[in-house]
């Protein structure tokens, strides 16, 4: 991990003095957790976390980040690497841009993500959901004609619920 940190420091031209500003407790917790990692891709994330914390105006390593990195497997890092920064704040102006993006993502997925077994990829997605590193946006629900007629003697309603836009939740007689 130290070699990875040194490489990133050299690439970003981070002064050595920046590492002396890291709080002692944060440093010990991070080094202890990072030293237990054998996987090269996950070690790279530990190195990035250490350098990013040292570069910060207020050097600190959040305990939550340590716990998240402890929970990552190589397939998890491959998926995160695939998704970010490729998807974040991405806007498309044409169908051609969408197609080019899809081609790029498929090539990148083939290079790393799809090298893992399907079962490992499924576990990885669930782990990243659990850690809240990724999320999904549910499809819009159209409830037209889903709810059947409602009859309530107590409320004296004999009708149906109109779930269309503009009629959301309104009982119709």
N, C-alpha and C. Protein backbone atom coordinates (compact mmCIF):
# COMPACT_ATOMS: atom_id res chain seq x y z
N UNK A 1 0.85 -1.19 0.00
CA UNK A 1 0.00 0.00 0.00
C UNK A 1 0.88 1.24 0.00
N UNK A 2 2.01 1.16 0.70
CA UNK A 2 2.92 2.32 0.74
C UNK A 2 3.42 2.65 -0.67
N UNK A 3 3.72 1.63 -1.46
CA UNK A 3 4.16 1.87 -2.84
C UNK A 3 3.07 2.56 -3.65
N UNK A 4 1.84 2.16 -3.44
CA UNK A 4 0.71 2.78 -4.15
C UNK A 4 0.53 4.23 -3.70
N UNK A 5 0.65 4.47 -2.40
CA UNK A 5 0.57 5.84 -1.89
C UNK A 5 1.68 6.69 -2.50
N UNK A 6 2.90 6.17 -2.52
CA UNK A 6 4.03 6.91 -3.08
C UNK A 6 3.80 7.25 -4.55
N UNK A 7 3.26 6.29 -5.31
CA UNK A 7 2.98 6.53 -6.72
C UNK A 7 1.95 7.64 -6.90
N UNK A 8 0.86 7.59 -6.13
CA UNK A 8 -0.19 8.60 -6.23
C UNK A 8 0.34 9.96 -5.79
N UNK A 9 1.14 9.99 -4.74
CA UNK A 9 1.74 11.25 -4.25
C UNK A 9 2.60 11.87 -5.35
N UNK A 10 3.37 11.05 -6.03
CA UNK A 10 4.23 11.55 -7.10
C UNK A 10 3.39 12.06 -8.27
N UNK A 11 2.34 11.31 -8.63
CA UNK A 11 1.47 11.74 -9.74
C UNK A 11 0.78 13.06 -9.44
N UNK A 12 0.35 13.25 -8.21
CA UNK A 12 -0.39 14.45 -7.82
C UNK A 12 0.49 15.54 -7.23
N UNK A 13 1.76 15.23 -7.05
CA UNK A 13 2.73 16.19 -6.50
C UNK A 13 2.28 16.69 -5.11
N UNK A 14 1.96 15.74 -4.24
CA UNK A 14 1.54 16.05 -2.87
C UNK A 14 2.79 16.19 -2.00
N UNK A 15 2.91 17.29 -1.25
CA UNK A 15 4.09 17.46 -0.38
C UNK A 15 4.08 16.44 0.77
N UNK A 16 5.25 15.96 1.12
CA UNK A 16 5.39 14.98 2.21
C UNK A 16 4.85 15.52 3.53
N UNK A 17 4.95 16.81 3.74
CA UNK A 17 4.48 17.43 4.99
C UNK A 17 2.97 17.25 5.17
N UNK A 18 2.23 17.07 4.09
CA UNK A 18 0.78 16.90 4.19
C UNK A 18 0.42 15.67 5.02
N UNK A 19 1.25 14.64 4.99
CA UNK A 19 0.96 13.42 5.72
C UNK A 19 1.17 13.58 7.22
N UNK A 20 1.98 14.54 7.61
CA UNK A 20 2.20 14.79 9.04
C UNK A 20 1.00 15.47 9.68
N UNK A 21 0.12 16.01 8.86
CA UNK A 21 -1.06 16.70 9.38
C UNK A 21 -2.21 15.75 9.67
N UNK A 22 -2.11 14.50 9.21
CA UNK A 22 -3.17 13.53 9.49
C UNK A 22 -3.21 13.22 10.98
N UNK A 23 -4.41 13.24 11.58
CA UNK A 23 -4.52 12.91 13.00
C UNK A 23 -4.00 11.50 13.28
N UNK A 24 -3.33 11.35 14.43
CA UNK A 24 -2.70 10.08 14.78
C UNK A 24 -3.69 8.92 14.81
N UNK A 25 -4.84 9.12 15.46
CA UNK A 25 -5.84 8.06 15.57
C UNK A 25 -6.36 7.62 14.20
N UNK A 26 -6.63 8.60 13.34
CA UNK A 26 -7.08 8.29 11.99
C UNK A 26 -6.03 7.48 11.25
N UNK A 27 -4.78 7.89 11.40
CA UNK A 27 -3.69 7.20 10.71
C UNK A 27 -3.56 5.76 11.18
N UNK A 28 -3.60 5.55 12.47
CA UNK A 28 -3.45 4.19 13.02
C UNK A 28 -4.61 3.30 12.57
N UNK A 29 -5.85 3.80 12.69
CA UNK A 29 -7.01 3.01 12.27
C UNK A 29 -6.91 2.64 10.79
N UNK A 30 -6.51 3.60 9.97
CA UNK A 30 -6.43 3.37 8.53
C UNK A 30 -5.32 2.37 8.19
N UNK A 31 -4.16 2.56 8.77
CA UNK A 31 -3.04 1.65 8.48
C UNK A 31 -3.36 0.24 8.95
N UNK A 32 -3.97 0.11 10.13
CA UNK A 32 -4.33 -1.21 10.65
C UNK A 32 -5.32 -1.91 9.72
N UNK A 33 -6.36 -1.20 9.31
CA UNK A 33 -7.38 -1.80 8.43
C UNK A 33 -6.79 -2.09 7.05
N UNK A 34 -6.04 -1.17 6.51
CA UNK A 34 -5.48 -1.34 5.17
C UNK A 34 -4.47 -2.49 5.14
N UNK A 35 -3.75 -2.68 6.23
CA UNK A 35 -2.72 -3.73 6.25
C UNK A 35 -3.32 -5.13 6.19
N UNK A 36 -4.62 -5.27 6.44
CA UNK A 36 -5.27 -6.57 6.39
C UNK A 36 -5.78 -6.93 5.00
N UNK A 37 -5.63 -6.02 4.08
CA UNK A 37 -6.14 -6.23 2.71
C UNK A 37 -5.08 -6.83 1.81
N UNK A 38 -5.42 -7.93 1.13
CA UNK A 38 -4.49 -8.61 0.23
C UNK A 38 -4.75 -8.29 -1.23
N UNK A 39 -5.98 -7.89 -1.55
CA UNK A 39 -6.36 -7.68 -2.94
C UNK A 39 -5.82 -6.36 -3.47
N UNK A 40 -5.15 -6.42 -4.60
CA UNK A 40 -4.49 -5.27 -5.20
C UNK A 40 -5.45 -4.10 -5.49
N UNK A 41 -6.61 -4.41 -6.07
CA UNK A 41 -7.56 -3.35 -6.42
C UNK A 41 -8.10 -2.64 -5.20
N UNK A 42 -8.34 -3.38 -4.14
CA UNK A 42 -8.85 -2.78 -2.91
C UNK A 42 -7.73 -1.99 -2.23
N UNK A 43 -6.51 -2.49 -2.29
CA UNK A 43 -5.36 -1.75 -1.75
C UNK A 43 -5.22 -0.39 -2.44
N UNK A 44 -5.52 -0.35 -3.72
CA UNK A 44 -5.46 0.91 -4.47
C UNK A 44 -6.44 1.93 -3.88
N UNK A 45 -7.62 1.47 -3.50
CA UNK A 45 -8.60 2.37 -2.88
C UNK A 45 -8.11 2.87 -1.53
N UNK A 46 -7.48 2.01 -0.75
CA UNK A 46 -6.91 2.45 0.53
C UNK A 46 -5.86 3.54 0.28
N UNK A 47 -5.01 3.32 -0.70
CA UNK A 47 -3.97 4.31 -1.00
C UNK A 47 -4.61 5.64 -1.43
N UNK A 48 -5.65 5.58 -2.25
CA UNK A 48 -6.33 6.80 -2.68
C UNK A 48 -6.96 7.52 -1.50
N UNK A 49 -7.56 6.77 -0.57
CA UNK A 49 -8.16 7.37 0.62
C UNK A 49 -7.11 8.10 1.45
N UNK A 50 -5.97 7.48 1.65
CA UNK A 50 -4.90 8.08 2.45
C UNK A 50 -4.40 9.37 1.82
N UNK A 51 -4.14 9.33 0.52
CA UNK A 51 -3.63 10.52 -0.17
C UNK A 51 -4.68 11.63 -0.18
N UNK A 52 -5.92 11.28 -0.46
CA UNK A 52 -6.99 12.29 -0.49
C UNK A 52 -7.13 12.97 0.87
N UNK A 53 -7.05 12.19 1.94
CA UNK A 53 -7.15 12.77 3.28
C UNK A 53 -5.97 13.71 3.54
N UNK A 54 -4.79 13.32 3.12
CA UNK A 54 -3.61 14.16 3.33
C UNK A 54 -3.69 15.45 2.53
N UNK A 55 -4.28 15.40 1.35
CA UNK A 55 -4.40 16.58 0.49
C UNK A 55 -5.43 17.58 0.99
N UNK A 56 -6.35 17.12 1.81
CA UNK A 56 -7.47 17.94 2.25
C UNK A 56 -7.02 19.14 3.09
N UNK A 57 -7.83 20.19 3.05
CA UNK A 57 -7.55 21.37 3.89
C UNK A 57 -7.65 21.02 5.37
N UNK A 58 -8.56 20.12 5.70
CA UNK A 58 -8.70 19.64 7.08
C UNK A 58 -8.49 18.14 7.07
N UNK A 59 -7.23 17.70 7.15
CA UNK A 59 -6.91 16.28 7.04
C UNK A 59 -7.64 15.44 8.09
N UNK A 60 -8.40 14.48 7.62
CA UNK A 60 -9.16 13.59 8.49
C UNK A 60 -9.62 12.41 7.65
N UNK A 61 -9.64 11.25 8.28
CA UNK A 61 -10.17 10.07 7.62
C UNK A 61 -11.40 9.63 8.40
N UNK A 62 -12.52 9.66 7.74
CA UNK A 62 -13.80 9.33 8.36
C UNK A 62 -13.84 7.83 8.68
N UNK A 63 -14.28 7.49 9.87
CA UNK A 63 -14.39 6.08 10.27
C UNK A 63 -15.31 5.30 9.34
N UNK A 64 -16.32 5.96 8.83
CA UNK A 64 -17.25 5.30 7.91
C UNK A 64 -16.52 4.85 6.64
N UNK A 65 -15.62 5.67 6.14
CA UNK A 65 -14.86 5.30 4.94
C UNK A 65 -14.00 4.07 5.20
N UNK A 66 -13.44 4.00 6.40
CA UNK A 66 -12.63 2.83 6.77
C UNK A 66 -13.50 1.57 6.78
N UNK A 67 -14.67 1.68 7.37
CA UNK A 67 -15.58 0.52 7.43
C UNK A 67 -16.06 0.10 6.05
N UNK A 68 -16.33 1.08 5.19
CA UNK A 68 -16.77 0.74 3.83
C UNK A 68 -15.65 0.01 3.09
N UNK A 69 -14.44 0.55 3.14
CA UNK A 69 -13.33 -0.10 2.43
C UNK A 69 -13.05 -1.50 2.98
N UNK A 70 -13.22 -1.68 4.28
CA UNK A 70 -13.05 -3.02 4.87
C UNK A 70 -14.04 -4.02 4.28
N UNK A 71 -15.18 -3.52 3.85
CA UNK A 71 -16.26 -4.38 3.37
C UNK A 71 -16.22 -4.66 1.88
N UNK A 72 -15.27 -4.08 1.16
CA UNK A 72 -15.23 -4.23 -0.29
C UNK A 72 -14.41 -5.44 -0.74
N UNK A 73 -14.92 -6.08 -1.77
CA UNK A 73 -14.21 -7.17 -2.44
C UNK A 73 -13.76 -6.67 -3.80
N UNK A 74 -12.88 -7.40 -4.46
CA UNK A 74 -12.41 -6.95 -5.78
C UNK A 74 -13.53 -6.70 -6.79
N UNK A 75 -14.57 -7.53 -6.79
CA UNK A 75 -15.68 -7.29 -7.73
C UNK A 75 -16.37 -5.97 -7.42
N UNK A 76 -16.45 -5.63 -6.13
CA UNK A 76 -17.07 -4.36 -5.74
C UNK A 76 -16.28 -3.18 -6.30
N UNK A 77 -14.97 -3.26 -6.18
CA UNK A 77 -14.14 -2.16 -6.68
C UNK A 77 -14.21 -2.06 -8.20
N UNK A 78 -14.32 -3.20 -8.86
CA UNK A 78 -14.42 -3.19 -10.32
C UNK A 78 -15.71 -2.49 -10.77
N UNK A 79 -16.81 -2.78 -10.07
CA UNK A 79 -18.07 -2.14 -10.43
C UNK A 79 -18.04 -0.64 -10.13
N UNK A 80 -17.50 -0.27 -8.97
CA UNK A 80 -17.40 1.15 -8.64
C UNK A 80 -16.52 1.89 -9.64
N UNK A 81 -15.43 1.26 -10.03
CA UNK A 81 -14.53 1.86 -11.02
C UNK A 81 -15.22 2.02 -12.37
N UNK A 82 -16.06 1.05 -12.70
CA UNK A 82 -16.81 1.12 -13.95
C UNK A 82 -17.83 2.26 -13.93
N UNK A 83 -18.53 2.38 -12.82
CA UNK A 83 -19.60 3.37 -12.74
C UNK A 83 -19.12 4.80 -12.54
N UNK A 84 -18.10 4.99 -11.76
CA UNK A 84 -17.66 6.35 -11.45
C UNK A 84 -16.30 6.58 -12.08
N UNK A 85 -16.07 7.60 -12.79
CA UNK A 85 -16.90 8.78 -13.02
C UNK A 85 -17.74 8.71 -14.29
N UNK A 86 -17.86 7.53 -14.87
CA UNK A 86 -18.54 7.39 -16.16
C UNK A 86 -20.00 7.84 -16.14
N UNK A 87 -20.69 7.59 -15.04
CA UNK A 87 -22.12 7.82 -15.01
C UNK A 87 -22.48 9.12 -14.29
N UNK A 88 -21.68 9.52 -13.35
CA UNK A 88 -21.98 10.69 -12.54
C UNK A 88 -22.05 11.96 -13.40
N UNK A 89 -23.13 12.68 -13.26
CA UNK A 89 -23.35 13.95 -13.97
C UNK A 89 -23.21 13.83 -15.48
N UNK A 90 -23.62 12.73 -16.05
CA UNK A 90 -23.51 12.51 -17.48
C UNK A 90 -24.80 12.95 -18.17
N UNK A 91 -24.70 13.72 -19.21
CA UNK A 91 -25.85 14.12 -19.99
C UNK A 91 -25.58 13.79 -21.45
N UNK A 92 -26.63 13.32 -22.13
CA UNK A 92 -26.51 12.96 -23.54
C UNK A 92 -27.34 13.92 -24.37
N UNK A 93 -26.80 14.30 -25.50
CA UNK A 93 -27.49 15.23 -26.38
C UNK A 93 -28.07 14.56 -27.63
N UNK A 94 -27.66 13.32 -27.86
CA UNK A 94 -28.14 12.63 -29.06
C UNK A 94 -28.09 11.12 -28.86
N UNK A 95 -28.77 10.44 -29.75
CA UNK A 95 -28.74 8.99 -29.73
C UNK A 95 -27.34 8.45 -30.00
N UNK A 96 -26.59 9.19 -30.82
CA UNK A 96 -25.21 8.79 -31.10
C UNK A 96 -24.34 8.83 -29.86
N UNK A 97 -24.55 9.84 -29.03
CA UNK A 97 -23.80 9.93 -27.77
C UNK A 97 -24.15 8.77 -26.84
N UNK A 98 -25.43 8.41 -26.81
CA UNK A 98 -25.86 7.29 -25.98
C UNK A 98 -25.21 6.01 -26.48
N UNK A 99 -25.20 5.80 -27.79
CA UNK A 99 -24.59 4.60 -28.37
C UNK A 99 -23.10 4.55 -28.09
N UNK A 100 -22.42 5.67 -28.24
CA UNK A 100 -20.98 5.73 -27.96
C UNK A 100 -20.71 5.42 -26.49
N UNK A 101 -21.54 5.96 -25.61
CA UNK A 101 -21.41 5.70 -24.18
C UNK A 101 -21.61 4.21 -23.89
N UNK A 102 -22.66 3.62 -24.49
CA UNK A 102 -22.92 2.19 -24.29
C UNK A 102 -21.75 1.34 -24.77
N UNK A 103 -21.18 1.69 -25.91
CA UNK A 103 -20.03 0.95 -26.43
C UNK A 103 -18.83 1.06 -25.49
N UNK A 104 -18.59 2.28 -25.00
CA UNK A 104 -17.48 2.51 -24.07
C UNK A 104 -17.68 1.71 -22.78
N UNK A 105 -18.90 1.76 -22.24
CA UNK A 105 -19.18 1.05 -20.99
C UNK A 105 -19.07 -0.46 -21.17
N UNK A 106 -19.54 -0.98 -22.29
CA UNK A 106 -19.43 -2.41 -22.54
C UNK A 106 -17.97 -2.84 -22.64
N UNK A 107 -17.15 -2.04 -23.31
CA UNK A 107 -15.73 -2.37 -23.42
C UNK A 107 -15.06 -2.34 -22.04
N UNK A 108 -15.39 -1.33 -21.24
CA UNK A 108 -14.82 -1.23 -19.89
C UNK A 108 -15.32 -2.37 -19.01
N UNK A 109 -16.58 -2.73 -19.14
CA UNK A 109 -17.14 -3.82 -18.34
C UNK A 109 -16.47 -5.14 -18.72
N UNK A 110 -16.24 -5.35 -20.01
CA UNK A 110 -15.57 -6.57 -20.45
C UNK A 110 -14.14 -6.64 -19.91
N UNK A 111 -13.48 -5.50 -19.80
CA UNK A 111 -12.08 -5.47 -19.36
C UNK A 111 -11.91 -5.90 -17.90
N UNK A 112 -12.87 -5.59 -17.03
CA UNK A 112 -12.71 -5.93 -15.61
C UNK A 112 -13.94 -6.57 -15.00
N UNK A 113 -15.06 -5.89 -15.03
CA UNK A 113 -16.26 -6.30 -14.31
C UNK A 113 -16.74 -7.68 -14.73
N UNK A 114 -16.83 -7.92 -16.01
CA UNK A 114 -17.38 -9.19 -16.50
C UNK A 114 -16.39 -10.35 -16.40
N UNK A 115 -15.20 -10.09 -15.94
CA UNK A 115 -14.25 -11.17 -15.71
C UNK A 115 -14.58 -11.94 -14.43
N UNK A 116 -15.41 -11.33 -13.58
CA UNK A 116 -15.85 -12.01 -12.37
C UNK A 116 -17.03 -12.92 -12.71
N UNK A 117 -17.15 -14.00 -11.97
CA UNK A 117 -18.28 -14.91 -12.18
C UNK A 117 -19.60 -14.17 -11.95
N UNK A 118 -20.64 -14.61 -12.61
CA UNK A 118 -21.95 -13.97 -12.49
C UNK A 118 -22.42 -13.94 -11.04
N UNK A 119 -22.17 -15.00 -10.32
CA UNK A 119 -22.56 -15.07 -8.91
C UNK A 119 -21.82 -14.01 -8.09
N UNK A 120 -20.52 -13.84 -8.34
CA UNK A 120 -19.73 -12.82 -7.63
C UNK A 120 -20.22 -11.42 -7.96
N UNK A 121 -20.63 -11.21 -9.21
CA UNK A 121 -21.15 -9.90 -9.60
C UNK A 121 -22.48 -9.61 -8.90
N UNK A 122 -23.31 -10.61 -8.79
CA UNK A 122 -24.60 -10.43 -8.10
C UNK A 122 -24.39 -10.12 -6.63
N UNK A 123 -23.48 -10.82 -5.98
CA UNK A 123 -23.16 -10.56 -4.57
C UNK A 123 -22.57 -9.16 -4.43
N UNK A 124 -21.75 -8.78 -5.38
CA UNK A 124 -21.14 -7.46 -5.35
C UNK A 124 -22.19 -6.34 -5.40
N UNK A 125 -23.14 -6.49 -6.30
CA UNK A 125 -24.20 -5.48 -6.41
C UNK A 125 -24.95 -5.38 -5.10
N UNK A 126 -25.30 -6.52 -4.52
CA UNK A 126 -26.02 -6.51 -3.24
C UNK A 126 -25.19 -5.88 -2.14
N UNK A 127 -23.89 -6.16 -2.11
CA UNK A 127 -23.02 -5.58 -1.09
C UNK A 127 -22.94 -4.06 -1.24
N UNK A 128 -22.83 -3.59 -2.47
CA UNK A 128 -22.75 -2.14 -2.69
C UNK A 128 -24.07 -1.45 -2.38
N UNK A 129 -25.19 -2.13 -2.62
CA UNK A 129 -26.49 -1.60 -2.17
C UNK A 129 -26.52 -1.52 -0.65
N UNK A 130 -26.08 -2.58 -0.01
CA UNK A 130 -26.08 -2.64 1.47
C UNK A 130 -25.23 -1.52 2.06
N UNK A 131 -24.11 -1.27 1.45
CA UNK A 131 -23.21 -0.21 1.93
C UNK A 131 -23.65 1.18 1.49
N UNK A 132 -24.67 1.22 0.64
CA UNK A 132 -25.21 2.46 0.08
C UNK A 132 -24.18 3.20 -0.78
N UNK A 133 -23.34 2.41 -1.41
CA UNK A 133 -22.39 2.97 -2.38
C UNK A 133 -23.07 3.16 -3.73
N UNK A 134 -24.09 2.36 -3.99
CA UNK A 134 -24.89 2.51 -5.19
C UNK A 134 -26.35 2.47 -4.79
N UNK A 135 -27.18 2.95 -5.65
CA UNK A 135 -28.62 2.92 -5.42
C UNK A 135 -29.30 2.77 -6.76
N UNK A 136 -30.57 2.49 -6.72
CA UNK A 136 -31.31 2.42 -7.97
C UNK A 136 -32.51 3.35 -7.86
N UNK A 137 -32.93 3.82 -8.99
CA UNK A 137 -34.10 4.67 -9.06
C UNK A 137 -35.24 3.80 -9.56
N UNK A 138 -36.31 3.70 -8.77
CA UNK A 138 -37.41 2.85 -9.22
C UNK A 138 -38.08 3.41 -10.47
N UNK A 139 -38.62 2.52 -11.26
CA UNK A 139 -39.37 2.95 -12.45
C UNK A 139 -40.62 3.68 -11.99
N UNK A 140 -41.04 4.66 -12.75
CA UNK A 140 -42.29 5.35 -12.38
C UNK A 140 -43.45 4.37 -12.37
N UNK A 141 -44.32 4.51 -11.41
CA UNK A 141 -45.47 3.64 -11.27
C UNK A 141 -46.70 4.33 -11.84
N UNK A 142 -47.33 3.68 -12.76
CA UNK A 142 -48.59 4.18 -13.29
C UNK A 142 -49.68 3.27 -12.72
N UNK A 143 -50.54 3.87 -11.94
CA UNK A 143 -51.56 3.08 -11.26
C UNK A 143 -52.93 3.18 -11.93
N UNK A 144 -52.99 3.67 -13.16
CA UNK A 144 -54.27 3.73 -13.87
C UNK A 144 -54.89 2.34 -13.89
N UNK A 145 -56.11 2.28 -13.50
CA UNK A 145 -56.92 1.05 -13.56
C UNK A 145 -56.35 -0.10 -12.71
N UNK A 146 -55.38 0.20 -11.84
CA UNK A 146 -54.83 -0.85 -10.99
C UNK A 146 -55.76 -1.12 -9.82
N UNK A 147 -56.26 -0.06 -9.25
CA UNK A 147 -57.15 -0.22 -8.10
C UNK A 147 -58.58 -0.40 -8.58
N UNK A 148 -59.19 -1.39 -8.06
CA UNK A 148 -60.56 -1.68 -8.43
C UNK A 148 -61.52 -0.84 -7.58
N UNK A 149 -62.75 -1.03 -7.82
CA UNK A 149 -63.78 -0.29 -7.12
C UNK A 149 -63.69 -0.50 -5.61
N UNK A 150 -63.87 0.59 -4.90
CA UNK A 150 -63.84 0.54 -3.44
C UNK A 150 -65.25 0.73 -2.92
N UNK A 151 -65.64 -0.11 -2.00
CA UNK A 151 -66.94 0.04 -1.35
C UNK A 151 -66.71 0.08 0.15
N UNK A 152 -67.22 1.08 0.75
CA UNK A 152 -67.08 1.20 2.18
C UNK A 152 -68.39 1.68 2.77
N UNK A 153 -69.02 0.83 3.53
CA UNK A 153 -70.28 1.21 4.16
C UNK A 153 -70.04 2.28 5.22
N UNK A 154 -68.92 2.14 5.95
CA UNK A 154 -68.64 3.10 7.02
C UNK A 154 -68.44 4.51 6.47
N UNK A 155 -67.71 4.62 5.37
CA UNK A 155 -67.42 5.94 4.80
C UNK A 155 -68.46 6.35 3.77
N UNK A 156 -69.40 5.47 3.46
CA UNK A 156 -70.43 5.71 2.46
C UNK A 156 -69.81 6.08 1.10
N UNK A 157 -68.75 5.34 0.75
CA UNK A 157 -68.12 5.55 -0.55
C UNK A 157 -68.48 4.37 -1.43
N UNK A 158 -68.97 4.67 -2.59
CA UNK A 158 -69.24 3.63 -3.57
C UNK A 158 -68.65 4.15 -4.87
N UNK A 159 -67.42 3.80 -5.15
CA UNK A 159 -66.76 4.34 -6.33
C UNK A 159 -65.41 3.68 -6.51
N UNK A 160 -64.49 4.39 -7.11
CA UNK A 160 -63.14 3.88 -7.33
C UNK A 160 -62.15 4.99 -7.00
N UNK A 161 -60.91 4.61 -6.83
CA UNK A 161 -59.87 5.60 -6.58
C UNK A 161 -59.24 5.96 -7.90
N UNK A 162 -59.19 7.25 -8.20
CA UNK A 162 -58.60 7.74 -9.44
C UNK A 162 -57.13 7.99 -9.20
N UNK A 163 -56.24 7.17 -9.78
CA UNK A 163 -54.80 7.29 -9.55
C UNK A 163 -54.10 7.99 -10.70
N UNK A 164 -54.85 8.56 -11.64
CA UNK A 164 -54.20 9.26 -12.74
C UNK A 164 -53.65 10.59 -12.27
N UNK A 165 -52.70 11.14 -13.00
CA UNK A 165 -52.13 12.44 -12.68
C UNK A 165 -53.27 13.45 -12.59
N UNK A 166 -53.27 14.21 -11.52
CA UNK A 166 -54.32 15.19 -11.31
C UNK A 166 -55.46 14.63 -10.49
N UNK A 167 -55.56 13.34 -10.38
CA UNK A 167 -56.63 12.73 -9.63
C UNK A 167 -56.09 11.84 -8.52
N UNK A 168 -54.83 11.99 -8.19
CA UNK A 168 -54.14 11.12 -7.26
C UNK A 168 -54.87 11.06 -5.93
N UNK A 169 -55.32 9.87 -5.60
CA UNK A 169 -55.90 9.62 -4.30
C UNK A 169 -57.31 10.15 -4.12
N UNK A 170 -57.95 10.59 -5.14
CA UNK A 170 -59.28 11.17 -5.03
C UNK A 170 -60.33 10.08 -5.26
N UNK A 171 -61.24 9.99 -4.34
CA UNK A 171 -62.33 9.00 -4.50
C UNK A 171 -63.37 9.59 -5.43
N UNK A 172 -63.78 8.79 -6.38
CA UNK A 172 -64.77 9.25 -7.37
C UNK A 172 -66.09 8.55 -7.10
N UNK A 173 -67.16 9.27 -7.20
CA UNK A 173 -68.50 8.69 -7.02
C UNK A 173 -69.02 8.20 -8.34
